[in-house]
Amino acid sequence: MISSLHRARTLLLHLDVCNERLLTSPKAGNIGVIFDEYLSIFRQATAMCKPALYHLRKISVIRKYLTFDRAQFLVHALTTSKIDYGNSSLYGLPKYVTKQLQRVQNADARIFSLSSQFCHITPVLMILPN
């Protein structure tokens, strides 16, 4: 049941449709996009970032054995493509969601440049090719 985050809602545990009982769920997915009960994009952003960060950790282990081009290929195939999917629906997000997405992009840049996670990201982003 779709409701507002700021208004109280009635508790609905199930729906009866054509003599069938359907249980409600706090989220639902359709064509790779997750909708929650408030139509918030936060769960979608989390669902995009979590596997991307997982793959980035795995790539970082083998990065020193990869050329820049191979590392770029892996990162784009496993992370950037997932973040870019449906990116037009991510326009105008609140800062707490964009920070989550920016964290993945910063990790991408650090893997490309073999930079430490503790170094400032702006100089790293400036030297990387587009």
N, C-alpha and C. Protein backbone atom coordinates (compact mmCIF):
# COMPACT_ATOMS: atom_id res chain seq x y z
N MET A 1 0.84 -1.17 0.00
CA MET A 1 0.00 0.00 0.00
C MET A 1 0.89 1.24 0.00
N ILE A 2 0.66 2.13 -0.89
CA ILE A 2 1.45 3.34 -1.01
C ILE A 2 0.91 4.38 -0.04
N SER A 3 1.81 5.01 0.70
CA SER A 3 1.39 6.02 1.66
C SER A 3 2.47 7.09 1.76
N SER A 4 2.21 8.08 2.58
CA SER A 4 3.15 9.17 2.80
C SER A 4 4.04 8.85 3.99
N LEU A 5 5.26 9.27 3.92
CA LEU A 5 6.20 9.08 5.01
C LEU A 5 5.80 9.93 6.22
N HIS A 6 5.05 11.01 6.00
CA HIS A 6 4.73 11.98 7.04
C HIS A 6 3.29 11.87 7.57
N ARG A 7 2.51 10.96 7.05
CA ARG A 7 1.13 10.80 7.51
C ARG A 7 0.94 9.40 8.06
N ALA A 8 0.17 9.31 9.11
CA ALA A 8 -0.14 7.99 9.66
C ALA A 8 -0.99 7.22 8.65
N ARG A 9 -0.79 5.93 8.60
CA ARG A 9 -1.57 5.12 7.67
C ARG A 9 -2.22 3.97 8.42
N THR A 10 -3.25 3.48 7.84
CA THR A 10 -3.93 2.35 8.46
C THR A 10 -3.11 1.09 8.23
N LEU A 11 -3.13 0.22 9.18
CA LEU A 11 -2.39 -1.03 9.08
C LEU A 11 -3.15 -1.98 8.16
N LEU A 12 -2.52 -2.39 7.09
CA LEU A 12 -3.14 -3.30 6.12
C LEU A 12 -2.24 -4.51 5.98
N LEU A 13 -2.69 -5.64 6.42
CA LEU A 13 -1.88 -6.85 6.39
C LEU A 13 -2.09 -7.67 5.13
N HIS A 14 -3.27 -7.53 4.51
CA HIS A 14 -3.56 -8.31 3.30
C HIS A 14 -4.67 -7.63 2.50
N LEU A 15 -4.79 -8.05 1.26
CA LEU A 15 -5.86 -7.61 0.38
C LEU A 15 -6.62 -8.84 -0.09
N ASP A 16 -7.92 -8.73 -0.21
CA ASP A 16 -8.72 -9.82 -0.77
C ASP A 16 -9.14 -9.42 -2.17
N VAL A 17 -8.65 -10.20 -3.17
CA VAL A 17 -8.95 -9.93 -4.56
C VAL A 17 -9.44 -11.22 -5.20
N CYS A 18 -10.68 -11.22 -5.69
CA CYS A 18 -11.26 -12.39 -6.37
C CYS A 18 -11.13 -13.66 -5.52
N ASN A 19 -11.53 -13.56 -4.29
CA ASN A 19 -11.48 -14.70 -3.36
C ASN A 19 -10.07 -15.20 -3.09
N GLU A 20 -9.08 -14.40 -3.36
CA GLU A 20 -7.69 -14.75 -3.07
C GLU A 20 -7.15 -13.74 -2.06
N ARG A 21 -6.39 -14.21 -1.11
CA ARG A 21 -5.79 -13.33 -0.10
C ARG A 21 -4.35 -13.03 -0.52
N LEU A 22 -4.06 -11.75 -0.71
CA LEU A 22 -2.72 -11.29 -1.07
C LEU A 22 -2.09 -10.61 0.13
N LEU A 23 -0.90 -11.05 0.50
CA LEU A 23 -0.19 -10.43 1.60
C LEU A 23 0.52 -9.18 1.12
N THR A 24 0.57 -8.16 1.94
CA THR A 24 1.25 -6.92 1.56
C THR A 24 2.75 -7.07 1.79
N SER A 25 3.51 -6.21 1.15
CA SER A 25 4.95 -6.24 1.24
C SER A 25 5.46 -4.80 1.35
N PRO A 26 6.55 -4.58 2.10
CA PRO A 26 7.08 -3.22 2.22
C PRO A 26 7.80 -2.74 0.96
N LYS A 27 8.07 -3.64 0.02
CA LYS A 27 8.72 -3.23 -1.22
C LYS A 27 8.33 -4.20 -2.33
N ALA A 28 8.47 -3.71 -3.57
CA ALA A 28 8.18 -4.53 -4.74
C ALA A 28 9.11 -4.10 -5.86
N GLY A 29 9.46 -5.03 -6.73
CA GLY A 29 10.35 -4.72 -7.85
C GLY A 29 9.64 -4.90 -9.17
N ASN A 30 10.02 -4.06 -10.13
CA ASN A 30 9.48 -4.14 -11.48
C ASN A 30 10.54 -3.64 -12.44
N ILE A 31 10.90 -4.45 -13.42
CA ILE A 31 11.94 -4.18 -14.42
C ILE A 31 13.21 -3.63 -13.81
N GLY A 32 13.61 -4.19 -12.68
CA GLY A 32 14.87 -3.81 -12.05
C GLY A 32 14.82 -2.60 -11.17
N VAL A 33 13.65 -2.04 -10.95
CA VAL A 33 13.50 -0.87 -10.09
C VAL A 33 12.71 -1.29 -8.86
N ILE A 34 13.20 -0.90 -7.69
CA ILE A 34 12.54 -1.25 -6.45
C ILE A 34 11.68 -0.09 -5.98
N PHE A 35 10.42 -0.39 -5.73
CA PHE A 35 9.48 0.59 -5.20
C PHE A 35 9.19 0.21 -3.75
N ASP A 36 9.26 1.19 -2.86
CA ASP A 36 8.87 0.90 -1.49
C ASP A 36 7.50 1.52 -1.23
N GLU A 37 7.02 1.35 -0.03
CA GLU A 37 5.67 1.79 0.30
C GLU A 37 5.50 3.30 0.25
N TYR A 38 6.61 4.06 0.28
CA TYR A 38 6.54 5.51 0.22
C TYR A 38 6.96 6.06 -1.15
N LEU A 39 7.21 5.19 -2.09
CA LEU A 39 7.73 5.54 -3.42
C LEU A 39 9.04 6.32 -3.31
N SER A 40 9.83 5.93 -2.34
CA SER A 40 11.14 6.53 -2.12
C SER A 40 12.17 5.78 -2.96
N ILE A 41 13.19 6.47 -3.42
CA ILE A 41 14.21 5.86 -4.26
C ILE A 41 15.37 5.33 -3.41
N PHE A 42 15.30 5.51 -2.09
CA PHE A 42 16.41 5.11 -1.23
C PHE A 42 16.71 3.61 -1.33
N ARG A 43 15.71 2.76 -1.32
CA ARG A 43 15.96 1.32 -1.44
C ARG A 43 16.56 0.98 -2.79
N GLN A 44 16.15 1.69 -3.83
CA GLN A 44 16.71 1.46 -5.17
C GLN A 44 18.19 1.83 -5.18
N ALA A 45 18.54 2.96 -4.61
CA ALA A 45 19.94 3.38 -4.57
C ALA A 45 20.77 2.38 -3.77
N THR A 46 20.25 1.91 -2.66
CA THR A 46 20.95 0.92 -1.85
C THR A 46 21.13 -0.38 -2.63
N ALA A 47 20.09 -0.77 -3.34
CA ALA A 47 20.16 -2.00 -4.14
C ALA A 47 21.16 -1.88 -5.28
N MET A 48 21.41 -0.67 -5.75
CA MET A 48 22.40 -0.47 -6.81
C MET A 48 23.81 -0.41 -6.23
N CYS A 49 23.98 0.23 -5.09
CA CYS A 49 25.30 0.45 -4.52
C CYS A 49 25.89 -0.78 -3.84
N LYS A 50 25.07 -1.55 -3.19
CA LYS A 50 25.58 -2.68 -2.41
C LYS A 50 26.36 -3.68 -3.28
N PRO A 51 25.79 -4.18 -4.39
CA PRO A 51 26.58 -5.10 -5.21
C PRO A 51 27.76 -4.42 -5.90
N ALA A 52 27.61 -3.13 -6.23
CA ALA A 52 28.71 -2.41 -6.87
C ALA A 52 29.91 -2.34 -5.93
N LEU A 53 29.68 -2.02 -4.68
CA LEU A 53 30.78 -1.96 -3.71
C LEU A 53 31.38 -3.35 -3.45
N TYR A 54 30.54 -4.37 -3.48
CA TYR A 54 31.04 -5.75 -3.32
C TYR A 54 32.02 -6.08 -4.45
N HIS A 55 31.63 -5.79 -5.69
CA HIS A 55 32.50 -6.07 -6.84
C HIS A 55 33.77 -5.22 -6.81
N LEU A 56 33.64 -3.98 -6.37
CA LEU A 56 34.82 -3.12 -6.28
C LEU A 56 35.83 -3.66 -5.27
N ARG A 57 35.35 -4.20 -4.16
CA ARG A 57 36.28 -4.80 -3.20
C ARG A 57 37.00 -5.99 -3.82
N LYS A 58 36.29 -6.79 -4.59
CA LYS A 58 36.91 -7.95 -5.24
C LYS A 58 37.93 -7.51 -6.29
N ILE A 59 37.59 -6.48 -7.06
CA ILE A 59 38.51 -5.97 -8.09
C ILE A 59 39.75 -5.36 -7.44
N SER A 60 39.57 -4.69 -6.31
CA SER A 60 40.71 -4.04 -5.66
C SER A 60 41.77 -5.05 -5.22
N VAL A 61 41.36 -6.29 -4.94
CA VAL A 61 42.30 -7.33 -4.55
C VAL A 61 43.23 -7.69 -5.71
N ILE A 62 42.70 -7.71 -6.92
CA ILE A 62 43.50 -8.12 -8.09
C ILE A 62 43.96 -6.94 -8.94
N ARG A 63 43.64 -5.72 -8.53
CA ARG A 63 43.91 -4.54 -9.36
C ARG A 63 45.38 -4.41 -9.74
N LYS A 64 46.29 -4.70 -8.83
CA LYS A 64 47.72 -4.51 -9.13
C LYS A 64 48.20 -5.44 -10.24
N TYR A 65 47.45 -6.48 -10.57
CA TYR A 65 47.81 -7.39 -11.64
C TYR A 65 47.15 -7.04 -12.97
N LEU A 66 46.31 -6.02 -12.98
CA LEU A 66 45.56 -5.63 -14.18
C LEU A 66 46.13 -4.37 -14.80
N THR A 67 46.05 -4.29 -16.12
CA THR A 67 46.38 -3.03 -16.77
C THR A 67 45.25 -2.04 -16.50
N PHE A 68 45.52 -0.77 -16.78
CA PHE A 68 44.49 0.25 -16.59
C PHE A 68 43.26 -0.07 -17.42
N ASP A 69 43.45 -0.47 -18.68
CA ASP A 69 42.32 -0.78 -19.57
C ASP A 69 41.49 -1.95 -19.05
N ARG A 70 42.15 -3.00 -18.57
CA ARG A 70 41.43 -4.17 -18.04
C ARG A 70 40.67 -3.82 -16.76
N ALA A 71 41.30 -3.03 -15.91
CA ALA A 71 40.63 -2.59 -14.68
C ALA A 71 39.40 -1.74 -15.02
N GLN A 72 39.57 -0.86 -15.99
CA GLN A 72 38.47 -0.01 -16.43
C GLN A 72 37.33 -0.85 -17.00
N PHE A 73 37.66 -1.85 -17.79
CA PHE A 73 36.65 -2.74 -18.35
C PHE A 73 35.86 -3.45 -17.25
N LEU A 74 36.59 -4.01 -16.28
CA LEU A 74 35.92 -4.73 -15.19
C LEU A 74 35.03 -3.81 -14.36
N VAL A 75 35.55 -2.65 -14.02
CA VAL A 75 34.78 -1.72 -13.20
C VAL A 75 33.52 -1.27 -13.94
N HIS A 76 33.66 -0.95 -15.20
CA HIS A 76 32.48 -0.52 -15.96
C HIS A 76 31.48 -1.65 -16.14
N ALA A 77 31.97 -2.85 -16.37
CA ALA A 77 31.07 -3.99 -16.57
C ALA A 77 30.32 -4.35 -15.29
N LEU A 78 31.01 -4.30 -14.16
CA LEU A 78 30.41 -4.80 -12.92
C LEU A 78 29.80 -3.73 -12.02
N THR A 79 30.21 -2.49 -12.18
CA THR A 79 29.68 -1.47 -11.26
C THR A 79 29.03 -0.29 -11.97
N THR A 80 29.76 0.38 -12.84
CA THR A 80 29.24 1.59 -13.47
C THR A 80 27.97 1.34 -14.26
N SER A 81 27.91 0.22 -14.95
CA SER A 81 26.72 -0.09 -15.73
C SER A 81 25.50 -0.25 -14.82
N LYS A 82 25.70 -0.77 -13.63
CA LYS A 82 24.58 -0.94 -12.69
C LYS A 82 24.12 0.42 -12.14
N ILE A 83 25.09 1.29 -11.87
CA ILE A 83 24.75 2.61 -11.36
C ILE A 83 24.07 3.46 -12.44
N ASP A 84 24.51 3.32 -13.69
CA ASP A 84 23.96 4.11 -14.79
C ASP A 84 22.59 3.63 -15.25
N TYR A 85 22.20 2.41 -14.90
CA TYR A 85 20.90 1.89 -15.33
C TYR A 85 19.79 2.74 -14.72
N GLY A 86 19.00 3.32 -15.54
CA GLY A 86 17.89 4.14 -15.06
C GLY A 86 18.32 5.41 -14.37
N ASN A 87 19.48 5.96 -14.75
CA ASN A 87 19.99 7.13 -14.03
C ASN A 87 19.12 8.37 -14.23
N SER A 88 18.30 8.41 -15.26
CA SER A 88 17.41 9.56 -15.41
C SER A 88 16.37 9.60 -14.30
N SER A 89 16.04 8.45 -13.72
CA SER A 89 15.09 8.44 -12.61
C SER A 89 15.74 8.88 -11.30
N LEU A 90 17.06 9.03 -11.30
CA LEU A 90 17.78 9.43 -10.10
C LEU A 90 17.99 10.93 -10.01
N TYR A 91 17.48 11.69 -10.97
CA TYR A 91 17.66 13.13 -10.99
C TYR A 91 16.93 13.79 -9.81
N GLY A 92 17.58 14.72 -9.16
CA GLY A 92 16.95 15.48 -8.09
C GLY A 92 16.80 14.74 -6.77
N LEU A 93 17.67 13.78 -6.55
CA LEU A 93 17.59 13.00 -5.31
C LEU A 93 18.05 13.80 -4.11
N PRO A 94 17.60 13.43 -2.92
CA PRO A 94 18.12 14.08 -1.72
C PRO A 94 19.61 13.79 -1.54
N LYS A 95 20.29 14.64 -0.79
CA LYS A 95 21.74 14.51 -0.61
C LYS A 95 22.15 13.18 -0.01
N TYR A 96 21.37 12.63 0.92
CA TYR A 96 21.78 11.38 1.55
C TYR A 96 21.80 10.23 0.55
N VAL A 97 21.03 10.34 -0.53
CA VAL A 97 21.05 9.29 -1.55
C VAL A 97 22.19 9.54 -2.53
N THR A 98 22.39 10.79 -2.93
CA THR A 98 23.48 11.07 -3.87
C THR A 98 24.84 10.80 -3.24
N LYS A 99 24.96 10.97 -1.93
CA LYS A 99 26.23 10.63 -1.27
C LYS A 99 26.54 9.15 -1.41
N GLN A 100 25.52 8.34 -1.33
CA GLN A 100 25.69 6.89 -1.47
C GLN A 100 26.19 6.56 -2.88
N LEU A 101 25.61 7.18 -3.89
CA LEU A 101 26.03 6.94 -5.27
C LEU A 101 27.43 7.51 -5.53
N GLN A 102 27.71 8.67 -4.96
CA GLN A 102 29.04 9.29 -5.13
C GLN A 102 30.12 8.43 -4.50
N ARG A 103 29.80 7.77 -3.41
CA ARG A 103 30.77 6.89 -2.75
C ARG A 103 31.22 5.77 -3.69
N VAL A 104 30.30 5.24 -4.46
CA VAL A 104 30.65 4.18 -5.42
C VAL A 104 31.53 4.75 -6.52
N GLN A 105 31.19 5.92 -7.02
CA GLN A 105 32.00 6.53 -8.08
C GLN A 105 33.39 6.89 -7.58
N ASN A 106 33.50 7.34 -6.36
CA ASN A 106 34.81 7.64 -5.79
C ASN A 106 35.64 6.37 -5.64
N ALA A 107 35.01 5.28 -5.23
CA ALA A 107 35.72 4.01 -5.12
C ALA A 107 36.19 3.53 -6.50
N ASP A 108 35.37 3.74 -7.53
CA ASP A 108 35.78 3.43 -8.91
C ASP A 108 37.07 4.16 -9.26
N ALA A 109 37.09 5.47 -8.99
CA ALA A 109 38.26 6.30 -9.34
C ALA A 109 39.50 5.86 -8.57
N ARG A 110 39.32 5.49 -7.33
CA ARG A 110 40.47 5.05 -6.53
C ARG A 110 41.04 3.74 -7.06
N ILE A 111 40.18 2.86 -7.53
CA ILE A 111 40.67 1.60 -8.09
C ILE A 111 41.42 1.85 -9.40
N PHE A 112 40.89 2.72 -10.25
CA PHE A 112 41.58 3.04 -11.51
C PHE A 112 42.98 3.58 -11.24
N SER A 113 43.08 4.49 -10.30
CA SER A 113 44.33 5.20 -10.08
C SER A 113 45.23 4.54 -9.05
N LEU A 114 44.81 3.42 -8.49
CA LEU A 114 45.56 2.72 -7.43
C LEU A 114 45.81 3.64 -6.24
N SER A 115 44.85 4.50 -5.94
CA SER A 115 44.97 5.43 -4.82
C SER A 115 44.47 4.79 -3.54
N SER A 116 44.96 5.31 -2.44
CA SER A 116 44.51 4.85 -1.13
C SER A 116 43.11 5.37 -0.85
N GLN A 117 42.38 4.64 -0.05
CA GLN A 117 41.04 5.10 0.31
C GLN A 117 41.07 6.32 1.21
N PHE A 118 42.24 6.66 1.72
CA PHE A 118 42.37 7.80 2.62
C PHE A 118 42.82 9.08 1.92
N CYS A 119 43.21 8.98 0.65
CA CYS A 119 43.64 10.18 -0.06
C CYS A 119 42.42 10.98 -0.53
N HIS A 120 42.63 12.27 -0.70
CA HIS A 120 41.55 13.15 -1.15
C HIS A 120 41.16 12.78 -2.57
N ILE A 121 39.87 12.73 -2.86
CA ILE A 121 39.40 12.21 -4.15
C ILE A 121 39.44 13.23 -5.28
N THR A 122 39.35 14.52 -4.99
CA THR A 122 39.30 15.53 -6.05
C THR A 122 40.51 15.48 -6.99
N PRO A 123 41.75 15.44 -6.49
CA PRO A 123 42.89 15.35 -7.41
C PRO A 123 42.86 14.05 -8.23
N VAL A 124 42.38 12.98 -7.64
CA VAL A 124 42.30 11.71 -8.36
C VAL A 124 41.31 11.83 -9.52
N LEU A 125 40.17 12.45 -9.27
CA LEU A 125 39.16 12.61 -10.31
C LEU A 125 39.65 13.53 -11.44
N MET A 126 40.51 14.50 -11.09
CA MET A 126 41.01 15.44 -12.10
C MET A 126 41.99 14.78 -13.07
N ILE A 127 42.76 13.80 -12.62
CA ILE A 127 43.78 13.22 -13.49
C ILE A 127 43.26 12.04 -14.32
N LEU A 128 42.10 11.50 -13.97
CA LEU A 128 41.58 10.36 -14.72
C LEU A 128 41.00 10.81 -16.05
N PRO A 129 41.18 10.00 -17.11
CA PRO A 129 40.55 10.34 -18.38
C PRO A 129 39.05 10.14 -18.31
N ASN A 130 38.32 10.86 -19.14
CA ASN A 130 36.84 10.75 -19.15
C ASN A 130 36.39 9.45 -19.73
